[in-house]
Amino acid sequence: MPAVSAVTEQRERTRDWEEWLAAHVPASLGARVTGLTERADTLVVFVESAAWCARLRFALLELEAAARELRPRLKGIEVRVLPRA
């Protein structure tokens, strides 16, 4: 069941990133995150508005080296807007 394995692996990576983000950004900023995923060795973080997108993008620029400690193959970090439903 490779599909189940892939889904389980993706969920584990997402949980790892959620924990990493909570440990590295202020709670006020982390509370604005609406989701995250890892795609093609790129961390994609979604936030609720363009204003928070800019703030988080700036904060993550300084943390990119720390992110590579968790995933050495990480190519980059993208921050996108995804409002809460």
C-alpha atoms as a PDB file:
ATOM      1  CA  MET A   1       0.000   0.000   0.000  1.00  0.00           C
ATOM      2  CA  PRO A   2       2.430   2.675  -1.181  1.00  0.00           C
ATOM      3  CA  ALA A   3      -0.276   5.366  -1.246  1.00  0.00           C
ATOM      4  CA  VAL A   4      -1.000   4.916   2.453  1.00  0.00           C
ATOM      5  CA  SER A   5       2.720   4.989   3.193  1.00  0.00           C
ATOM      6  CA  ALA A   6       3.136   8.231   1.243  1.00  0.00           C
ATOM      7  CA  VAL A   7       0.227   9.855   3.077  1.00  0.00           C
ATOM      8  CA  THR A   8       1.592   8.736   6.440  1.00  0.00           C
ATOM      9  CA  GLU A   9       5.046  10.061   5.569  1.00  0.00           C
ATOM     10  CA  GLN A  10       3.620  13.421   4.453  1.00  0.00           C
ATOM     11  CA  ARG A  11       1.617  13.722   7.677  1.00  0.00           C
ATOM     12  CA  GLU A  12       4.741  13.007   9.741  1.00  0.00           C
ATOM     13  CA  ARG A  13       6.701  15.676   7.845  1.00  0.00           C
ATOM     14  CA  THR A  14       3.847  18.142   8.357  1.00  0.00           C
ATOM     15  CA  ARG A  15       3.786  17.422  12.095  1.00  0.00           C
ATOM     16  CA  ASP A  16       7.568  17.873  12.275  1.00  0.00           C
ATOM     17  CA  TRP A  17       7.284  21.248  10.526  1.00  0.00           C
ATOM     18  CA  GLU A  18       4.405  22.346  12.768  1.00  0.00           C
ATOM     19  CA  GLU A  19       6.522  21.601  15.843  1.00  0.00           C
ATOM     20  CA  TRP A  20       9.559  23.321  14.323  1.00  0.00           C
ATOM     21  CA  LEU A  21       7.562  26.420  13.419  1.00  0.00           C
ATOM     22  CA  ALA A  22       6.021  26.626  16.905  1.00  0.00           C
ATOM     23  CA  ALA A  23       9.519  26.504  18.414  1.00  0.00           C
ATOM     24  CA  HIS A  24      11.040  29.129  16.103  1.00  0.00           C
ATOM     25  CA  VAL A  25       8.484  31.891  15.522  1.00  0.00           C
ATOM     26  CA  PRO A  26       6.602  33.998  18.059  1.00  0.00           C
ATOM     27  CA  ALA A  27       3.215  32.584  19.065  1.00  0.00           C
ATOM     28  CA  SER A  28       1.460  35.693  17.737  1.00  0.00           C
ATOM     29  CA  LEU A  29       2.868  34.978  14.283  1.00  0.00           C
ATOM     30  CA  GLY A  30       2.433  31.218  14.469  1.00  0.00           C
ATOM     31  CA  ALA A  31      -1.252  31.714  15.303  1.00  0.00           C
ATOM     32  CA  ARG A  32      -1.726  33.249  11.828  1.00  0.00           C
ATOM     33  CA  VAL A  33      -0.548  30.093  10.042  1.00  0.00           C
ATOM     34  CA  THR A  34      -3.448  28.317   8.333  1.00  0.00           C
ATOM     35  CA  GLY A  35      -1.504  25.331   7.030  1.00  0.00           C
ATOM     36  CA  LEU A  36       1.799  24.027   5.781  1.00  0.00           C
ATOM     37  CA  THR A  37       3.184  21.319   3.595  1.00  0.00           C
ATOM     38  CA  GLU A  38       6.441  20.171   2.086  1.00  0.00           C
ATOM     39  CA  ARG A  39       6.449  19.919  -1.720  1.00  0.00           C
ATOM     40  CA  ALA A  40       9.454  18.986  -3.825  1.00  0.00           C
ATOM     41  CA  ASP A  41      11.860  19.794  -0.980  1.00  0.00           C
ATOM     42  CA  THR A  42      10.260  23.213  -0.460  1.00  0.00           C
ATOM     43  CA  LEU A  43       8.438  24.161   2.725  1.00  0.00           C
ATOM     44  CA  VAL A  44       5.197  25.956   1.867  1.00  0.00           C
ATOM     45  CA  VAL A  45       3.585  27.846   4.754  1.00  0.00           C
ATOM     46  CA  PHE A  46       0.111  29.340   4.409  1.00  0.00           C
ATOM     47  CA  VAL A  47      -1.025  32.361   6.441  1.00  0.00           C
ATOM     48  CA  GLU A  48      -4.364  34.136   6.764  1.00  0.00           C
ATOM     49  CA  SER A  49      -3.561  37.480   5.091  1.00  0.00           C
ATOM     50  CA  ALA A  50      -1.045  39.324   2.925  1.00  0.00           C
ATOM     51  CA  ALA A  51       0.131  41.391   5.903  1.00  0.00           C
ATOM     52  CA  TRP A  52       0.965  38.262   7.906  1.00  0.00           C
ATOM     53  CA  CYS A  53       2.501  36.715   4.794  1.00  0.00           C
ATOM     54  CA  ALA A  54       5.072  39.504   4.607  1.00  0.00           C
ATOM     55  CA  ARG A  55       5.869  39.265   8.314  1.00  0.00           C
ATOM     56  CA  LEU A  56       6.313  35.518   8.269  1.00  0.00           C
ATOM     57  CA  ARG A  57       8.367  35.615   5.060  1.00  0.00           C
ATOM     58  CA  PHE A  58      10.741  38.076   6.719  1.00  0.00           C
ATOM     59  CA  ALA A  59      10.993  35.954   9.893  1.00  0.00           C
ATOM     60  CA  LEU A  60      11.638  32.757   7.937  1.00  0.00           C
ATOM     61  CA  LEU A  61      14.458  34.315   5.921  1.00  0.00           C
ATOM     62  CA  GLU A  62      16.469  34.425   9.125  1.00  0.00           C
ATOM     63  CA  LEU A  63      15.497  30.854  10.005  1.00  0.00           C
ATOM     64  CA  GLU A  64      16.273  29.121   6.728  1.00  0.00           C
ATOM     65  CA  ALA A  65      19.558  27.656   8.010  1.00  0.00           C
ATOM     66  CA  ALA A  66      17.762  26.283  11.080  1.00  0.00           C
ATOM     67  CA  ALA A  67      15.108  24.753   8.809  1.00  0.00           C
ATOM     68  CA  ARG A  68      17.818  22.931   6.886  1.00  0.00           C
ATOM     69  CA  GLU A  69      18.914  21.296  10.130  1.00  0.00           C
ATOM     70  CA  LEU A  70      15.521  19.557  10.188  1.00  0.00           C
ATOM     71  CA  ARG A  71      15.553  18.783   6.445  1.00  0.00           C
ATOM     72  CA  PRO A  72      19.047  19.060   4.909  1.00  0.00           C
ATOM     73  CA  ARG A  73      17.633  18.687   1.370  1.00  0.00           C
ATOM     74  CA  LEU A  74      15.351  21.696   1.801  1.00  0.00           C
ATOM     75  CA  LYS A  75      15.634  23.952  -1.262  1.00  0.00           C
ATOM     76  CA  GLY A  76      13.613  26.868   0.042  1.00  0.00           C
ATOM     77  CA  ILE A  77      10.665  28.237   1.969  1.00  0.00           C
ATOM     78  CA  GLU A  78       7.596  29.820   0.402  1.00  0.00           C
ATOM     79  CA  VAL A  79       4.907  31.733   2.249  1.00  0.00           C
ATOM     80  CA  ARG A  80       1.461  32.058   0.654  1.00  0.00           C
ATOM     81  CA  VAL A  81      -1.898  33.500   1.619  1.00  0.00           C
ATOM     82  CA  LEU A  82      -4.709  31.067   2.440  1.00  0.00           C
ATOM     83  CA  PRO A  83      -7.478  32.690   4.502  1.00  0.00           C
ATOM     84  CA  ARG A  84      -9.217  30.620   7.149  1.00  0.00           C
ATOM     85  CA  ALA A  85     -12.417  28.985   5.952  1.00  0.00           C
END
